[in-house]
Amino acid sequence: MRAIWTGSIAFGLVNVPVKAYGATEDHDIDLHQVHDKDGGRIRYERRREVCGKKIAYKDLDKVFEDGERTIVLTDEEMEELPAEKSREIEVVQFVPADQIDPLMLEKSYYLQADSTSPKAYELLRRTLQDTEKLAVVRFALRQKTRLGILRVRSTTMVLQAVMWADELRDAEALAPEKSPRISEQELKMSSSLVEQYSGDFTPDQFQDDYQVQLKKLIEAKIEQGEQLDTEATFGEPETSEGSGEVIDLMEALKRSIDGRKAKTPNKASTEGKTSAMKKASKKGQAKKTETKKSASSSSGKKKASG
């Protein structure tokens, strides 16, 4: 991995030199755009509206317009902003993890100790881990001042960008004018369905079906060319039994629970079988022990009589 940012964490008077690395990567297959008639590659180019001349990226500046004025801002001017010049991740607060709304979380970066003496890094990492808190920080990255949190993942600290409060839209605008009435029985059955689906989150169990199917489509196209038969490649599309408008909510819940039970082995039954197997195993061991004792006793009597 290549470091995308180098600076330090300011923790009171403690300075922790660090390097930041992207913690995630895109696994999507890269696709280009071409003309559907002849397959010619489509490219996006920067051209002047006035003369149509192609412009290099290095010759671009940014502009602010308010309807009356046009203010040109050069890269050199923007780089002189005090916040942009800062190479510091400033710790401003420590908070419980459950106070951070997941909706606010953005891209994550791994922080590596950038020092021959990583003691300060390890001290902060251990402190976050032992107190079970998150550090709220301010930092600047790629021409933006950002809010973020520091947290621990395994033996590494993670810097995660957080959206500013005024960047979150108000969800109240989407709330229904009148809340529908939910009966106790509906809530009970819905909770039962949740229980049927409950378990520990294991990300490795899930895959990106779209990317898997896209790869299969590309491989099939390589083999079959323009004679590609997508139905033969993927089979007939599945029809969802639950599609369409839900007429009877209780019936839909009941059928969902029954369907889930049919797919998942009964926990009590499984435990009963396991218990029975253990008992049978214990009985077998007891019989073996009794047989050994009996054989040992018989052998002893023979020796005594001899």
Protein backbone atom coordinates (compact mmCIF):
# COMPACT_ATOMS: atom_id res chain seq x y z
CA MET A 1 0.00 0.00 0.00
CA ARG A 2 1.11 3.56 -0.72
CA ALA A 3 0.74 6.27 1.93
CA ILE A 4 -1.69 9.01 0.82
CA TRP A 5 -1.01 11.40 3.70
CA THR A 6 1.75 12.00 6.25
CA GLY A 7 1.31 14.02 9.42
CA SER A 8 0.78 13.56 13.15
CA ILE A 9 -1.92 13.10 15.77
CA ALA A 10 -2.01 15.88 18.38
CA PHE A 11 -3.15 14.27 21.64
CA GLY A 12 -2.83 17.04 24.25
CA LEU A 13 0.92 17.78 24.30
CA VAL A 14 1.66 14.30 22.92
CA ASN A 15 2.63 14.18 19.23
CA VAL A 16 2.12 10.91 17.33
CA PRO A 17 3.71 10.85 13.82
CA VAL A 18 1.62 8.73 11.43
CA LYS A 19 1.14 7.76 7.79
CA ALA A 20 -2.38 7.27 6.37
CA TYR A 21 -3.30 4.46 3.95
CA GLY A 22 -6.63 3.77 2.25
CA ALA A 23 -8.33 1.03 4.30
CA THR A 24 -10.71 -0.08 1.54
CA GLU A 25 -10.58 -0.74 -2.20
CA ASP A 26 -13.13 -1.10 -5.00
CA HIS A 27 -13.54 -4.66 -6.27
CA ASP A 28 -15.73 -3.72 -9.27
CA ILE A 29 -14.65 -4.85 -12.75
CA ASP A 30 -13.48 -1.85 -14.80
CA LEU A 31 -15.59 -1.17 -17.88
CA HIS A 32 -15.09 1.48 -20.60
CA GLN A 33 -17.69 3.13 -22.80
CA VAL A 34 -17.74 2.56 -26.59
CA HIS A 35 -20.02 3.55 -29.47
CA ASP A 36 -22.75 0.90 -29.94
CA LYS A 37 -22.40 1.00 -33.76
CA ASP A 38 -18.68 0.47 -34.31
CA GLY A 39 -17.19 -0.11 -30.85
CA GLY A 40 -15.14 3.07 -30.97
CA ARG A 41 -13.84 4.17 -27.55
CA ILE A 42 -15.66 7.10 -25.92
CA ARG A 43 -13.44 9.50 -23.95
CA TYR A 44 -14.25 12.54 -21.86
CA GLU A 45 -12.05 15.50 -22.65
CA ARG A 46 -11.62 18.98 -21.13
CA ARG A 47 -12.32 21.53 -23.87
CA ARG A 48 -12.84 25.28 -23.82
CA GLU A 49 -16.38 26.38 -24.67
CA VAL A 50 -15.06 29.43 -26.54
CA CYS A 51 -12.77 27.77 -29.08
CA GLY A 52 -13.12 24.02 -28.46
CA LYS A 53 -9.40 23.69 -27.69
CA LYS A 54 -8.40 20.72 -25.50
CA ILE A 55 -7.04 21.82 -22.09
CA ALA A 56 -4.51 19.93 -19.94
CA TYR A 57 -5.47 19.20 -16.33
CA LYS A 58 -2.50 21.25 -15.03
CA ASP A 59 -3.95 24.36 -16.72
CA LEU A 60 -7.28 24.20 -14.86
CA ASP A 61 -8.33 26.55 -12.05
CA LYS A 62 -11.47 26.54 -9.93
CA VAL A 63 -14.20 29.18 -10.08
CA PHE A 64 -16.85 30.47 -7.69
CA GLU A 65 -19.95 32.06 -9.24
CA ASP A 66 -22.81 33.76 -7.42
CA GLY A 67 -24.81 34.81 -10.48
CA GLU A 68 -23.19 38.23 -10.75
CA ARG A 69 -19.47 37.67 -10.24
CA THR A 70 -16.95 35.04 -11.31
CA ILE A 71 -14.06 34.50 -8.89
CA VAL A 72 -11.13 32.43 -10.17
CA LEU A 73 -9.17 30.52 -7.49
CA THR A 74 -5.79 29.06 -8.41
CA ASP A 75 -4.33 25.88 -6.86
CA GLU A 76 -1.53 27.98 -5.36
CA GLU A 77 -4.05 30.24 -3.60
CA MET A 78 -6.07 27.32 -2.26
CA GLU A 79 -2.96 25.58 -0.98
CA GLU A 80 -2.23 28.66 1.15
CA LEU A 81 -5.40 28.17 3.22
CA PRO A 82 -4.24 27.55 6.84
CA ALA A 83 -6.41 24.44 7.18
CA GLU A 84 -5.03 22.95 3.95
CA LYS A 85 -1.43 23.50 5.10
CA SER A 86 -2.04 21.72 8.40
CA ARG A 87 -0.49 18.26 8.72
CA GLU A 88 -2.12 17.52 12.03
CA ILE A 89 -4.95 15.29 13.22
CA GLU A 90 -6.21 17.18 16.26
CA VAL A 91 -7.97 15.16 18.97
CA VAL A 92 -10.78 17.36 20.31
CA GLN A 93 -12.94 14.93 22.31
CA PHE A 94 -13.41 11.33 23.45
CA VAL A 95 -16.92 9.86 23.16
CA PRO A 96 -18.72 6.50 23.57
CA ALA A 97 -18.96 4.57 20.30
CA ASP A 98 -22.77 4.44 20.37
CA GLN A 99 -22.98 8.24 20.11
CA ILE A 100 -21.68 8.25 16.52
CA ASP A 101 -24.50 7.91 13.99
CA PRO A 102 -23.37 5.33 11.35
CA LEU A 103 -25.06 7.52 8.71
CA MET A 104 -22.29 10.10 9.26
CA LEU A 105 -19.39 7.71 8.61
CA GLU A 106 -17.38 8.04 5.38
CA LYS A 107 -14.10 6.64 4.03
CA SER A 108 -11.64 4.90 6.37
CA TYR A 109 -7.83 5.14 6.53
CA TYR A 110 -5.35 2.93 8.34
CA LEU A 111 -2.84 4.90 10.41
CA GLN A 112 0.68 3.52 10.70
CA ALA A 113 3.24 4.76 13.20
CA ASP A 114 5.71 6.97 11.29
CA SER A 115 8.53 6.99 13.81
CA THR A 116 11.53 4.99 14.90
CA SER A 117 9.97 5.08 18.38
CA PRO A 118 6.30 3.95 18.08
CA LYS A 119 5.62 4.22 21.83
CA ALA A 120 3.31 7.27 21.55
CA TYR A 121 1.27 5.50 18.83
CA GLU A 122 0.93 2.35 20.94
CA LEU A 123 0.00 4.38 24.01
CA LEU A 124 -2.90 6.10 22.21
CA ARG A 125 -4.03 2.83 20.60
CA ARG A 126 -4.06 1.02 23.95
CA THR A 127 -5.85 3.94 25.61
CA LEU A 128 -8.64 3.88 23.02
CA GLN A 129 -8.90 0.11 23.35
CA ASP A 130 -8.96 0.05 27.17
CA THR A 131 -11.41 2.95 27.58
CA GLU A 132 -13.65 1.62 24.77
CA LYS A 133 -14.06 5.15 23.43
CA LEU A 134 -13.64 6.90 20.10
CA ALA A 135 -11.50 9.99 19.62
CA VAL A 136 -13.23 12.81 17.73
CA VAL A 137 -10.66 14.59 15.55
CA ARG A 138 -10.29 17.41 13.03
CA PHE A 139 -7.99 17.14 10.01
CA ALA A 140 -7.50 18.40 6.46
CA LEU A 141 -7.23 16.12 3.43
CA ARG A 142 -7.52 16.83 -0.30
CA GLN A 143 -8.63 20.44 -0.06
CA LYS A 144 -11.27 19.74 2.60
CA THR A 145 -11.36 20.27 6.34
CA ARG A 146 -12.88 17.15 7.82
CA LEU A 147 -14.31 15.83 11.02
CA GLY A 148 -13.35 12.28 11.92
CA ILE A 149 -13.01 9.59 14.55
CA LEU A 150 -10.08 7.47 15.65
CA ARG A 151 -10.84 3.88 16.59
CA VAL A 152 -8.93 0.62 16.94
CA ARG A 153 -9.00 -2.32 14.53
CA SER A 154 -6.84 -5.22 15.67
CA THR A 155 -3.35 -3.75 16.28
CA THR A 156 -3.90 -0.67 14.11
CA MET A 157 -5.61 2.69 14.58
CA VAL A 158 -8.20 3.69 11.97
CA LEU A 159 -9.07 7.25 10.98
CA GLN A 160 -12.64 7.44 9.67
CA ALA A 161 -13.98 10.62 8.09
CA VAL A 162 -17.31 11.85 9.47
CA MET A 163 -19.82 14.11 7.71
CA TRP A 164 -20.50 17.53 9.18
CA ALA A 165 -23.86 17.89 10.96
CA ASP A 166 -25.26 20.25 8.30
CA GLU A 167 -24.48 17.70 5.57
CA LEU A 168 -27.11 15.28 6.90
CA ARG A 169 -30.60 15.77 5.52
CA ASP A 170 -33.57 15.79 7.88
CA ALA A 171 -35.38 12.43 7.81
CA GLU A 172 -38.52 13.93 9.30
CA ALA A 173 -39.52 15.24 5.88
CA LEU A 174 -40.03 11.62 4.74
CA ALA A 175 -42.13 10.53 7.72
CA PRO A 176 -45.73 9.52 6.90
CA GLU A 177 -48.42 12.06 7.77
CA LYS A 178 -50.30 9.43 9.76
CA SER A 179 -48.60 6.45 11.40
CA PRO A 180 -50.33 3.13 10.59
CA ARG A 181 -51.60 1.10 13.54
CA ILE A 182 -49.51 -1.99 14.39
CA SER A 183 -51.18 -4.69 16.48
CA GLU A 184 -49.39 -6.61 19.25
CA GLN A 185 -49.79 -9.86 17.29
CA GLU A 186 -48.18 -8.35 14.17
CA LEU A 187 -45.29 -7.02 16.24
CA LYS A 188 -44.87 -10.39 17.95
CA MET A 189 -44.76 -12.28 14.64
CA SER A 190 -42.41 -9.73 13.12
CA SER A 191 -40.08 -10.15 16.12
CA SER A 192 -40.29 -13.92 15.69
CA LEU A 193 -39.22 -13.56 12.04
CA VAL A 194 -36.29 -11.38 13.15
CA GLU A 195 -35.30 -14.14 15.59
CA GLN A 196 -35.37 -16.68 12.75
CA TYR A 197 -32.87 -14.58 10.78
CA SER A 198 -30.66 -13.65 13.76
CA GLY A 199 -27.01 -14.68 14.02
CA ASP A 200 -23.45 -13.35 14.18
CA PHE A 201 -22.37 -11.09 11.32
CA THR A 202 -19.77 -12.87 9.18
CA PRO A 203 -18.89 -10.71 6.13
CA ASP A 204 -17.05 -13.59 4.40
CA GLN A 205 -20.37 -15.40 3.92
CA PHE A 206 -21.57 -12.72 1.49
CA GLN A 207 -20.45 -11.96 -2.06
CA ASP A 208 -21.13 -9.32 -4.67
CA ASP A 209 -23.49 -11.29 -6.96
CA TYR A 210 -23.49 -8.58 -9.62
CA GLN A 211 -19.70 -8.68 -10.05
CA VAL A 212 -19.69 -12.51 -10.06
CA GLN A 213 -22.38 -12.56 -12.75
CA LEU A 214 -20.63 -9.81 -14.72
CA LYS A 215 -17.42 -11.87 -14.77
CA LYS A 216 -19.43 -14.91 -15.91
CA LEU A 217 -21.01 -12.82 -18.68
CA ILE A 218 -17.59 -11.63 -19.90
CA GLU A 219 -16.22 -15.19 -19.94
CA ALA A 220 -19.30 -16.45 -21.79
CA LYS A 221 -18.99 -13.62 -24.33
CA ILE A 222 -15.33 -14.56 -24.93
CA GLU A 223 -16.35 -18.17 -25.64
CA GLN A 224 -19.57 -17.57 -27.63
CA GLY A 225 -18.98 -14.14 -29.14
CA GLU A 226 -22.05 -12.42 -30.61
CA GLN A 227 -23.97 -15.73 -30.46
CA LEU A 228 -24.13 -15.39 -26.66
CA ASP A 229 -27.25 -16.98 -25.16
CA THR A 230 -27.80 -15.25 -21.82
CA GLU A 231 -30.66 -17.59 -20.86
CA ALA A 232 -28.41 -20.62 -21.33
CA THR A 233 -25.66 -18.86 -19.35
CA PHE A 234 -27.74 -17.74 -16.38
CA GLY A 235 -30.89 -19.85 -16.65
CA GLU A 236 -34.41 -18.51 -16.50
CA PRO A 237 -34.99 -15.57 -14.16
CA GLU A 238 -36.39 -16.55 -10.78
CA THR A 239 -39.86 -15.32 -9.91
CA SER A 240 -40.23 -14.10 -6.37
CA GLU A 241 -43.28 -15.50 -4.60
CA GLY A 242 -43.39 -12.46 -2.34
CA SER A 243 -43.40 -9.89 -5.14
CA GLY A 244 -46.34 -7.59 -5.66
CA GLU A 245 -48.54 -5.82 -3.18
CA VAL A 246 -48.83 -7.31 0.30
CA ILE A 247 -52.55 -7.81 0.95
CA ASP A 248 -52.53 -9.72 4.25
CA LEU A 249 -49.59 -8.71 6.43
CA MET A 250 -50.24 -11.40 9.05
CA GLU A 251 -50.40 -14.12 6.40
CA ALA A 252 -47.18 -12.86 4.81
CA LEU A 253 -45.43 -12.92 8.22
CA LYS A 254 -46.68 -16.44 8.98
CA ARG A 255 -45.57 -17.80 5.60
CA SER A 256 -42.17 -16.11 6.01
CA ILE A 257 -41.65 -17.69 9.44
CA ASP A 258 -42.76 -21.14 8.21
CA GLY A 259 -40.50 -20.86 5.18
CA ARG A 260 -37.53 -19.89 7.32
CA LYS A 261 -38.17 -22.77 9.73
CA ALA A 262 -38.18 -25.21 6.81
CA LYS A 263 -34.75 -23.96 5.70
CA THR A 264 -33.20 -23.82 9.18
CA PRO A 265 -32.87 -26.93 11.38
CA ASN A 266 -34.85 -26.68 14.62
CA LYS A 267 -32.55 -25.53 17.40
CA ALA A 268 -34.32 -27.55 20.11
CA SER A 269 -34.32 -30.62 17.89
CA THR A 270 -30.62 -30.18 17.15
CA GLU A 271 -29.84 -29.73 20.82
CA GLY A 272 -31.97 -32.81 21.63
CA LYS A 273 -30.08 -34.91 19.11
CA THR A 274 -26.76 -33.66 20.41
CA SER A 275 -27.83 -34.41 24.00
CA ALA A 276 -29.00 -37.89 23.02
CA MET A 277 -25.70 -38.56 21.23
CA LYS A 278 -23.76 -37.42 24.28
CA LYS A 279 -25.84 -39.68 26.55
CA ALA A 280 -25.37 -42.63 24.22
CA SER A 281 -21.64 -41.91 24.13
CA LYS A 282 -21.51 -41.78 27.94
CA LYS A 283 -23.43 -45.08 28.21
CA GLY A 284 -21.03 -46.67 25.74
CA GLN A 285 -18.03 -45.44 27.71
CA ALA A 286 -19.62 -46.69 30.97
CA LYS A 287 -20.16 -50.14 29.46
CA LYS A 288 -16.54 -50.24 28.24
CA THR A 289 -15.34 -49.26 31.72
CA GLU A 290 -17.50 -51.97 33.36
CA THR A 291 -16.21 -54.56 30.88
CA LYS A 292 -12.60 -53.57 31.62
CA LYS A 293 -13.22 -53.75 35.39
CA SER A 294 -14.90 -57.16 35.03
CA ALA A 295 -12.04 -58.46 32.91
CA SER A 296 -9.50 -57.07 35.37
CA SER A 297 -11.35 -58.65 38.34
CA SER A 298 -11.59 -62.00 36.57
CA SER A 299 -7.89 -61.91 35.74
CA GLY A 300 -7.08 -61.16 39.38
CA LYS A 301 -9.15 -64.14 40.62
CA LYS A 302 -7.38 -66.50 38.23
CA LYS A 303 -3.98 -65.33 39.46
CA ALA A 304 -5.08 -65.80 43.07
CA SER A 305 -6.38 -69.32 42.44
CA GLY A 306 -3.14 -70.17 40.59
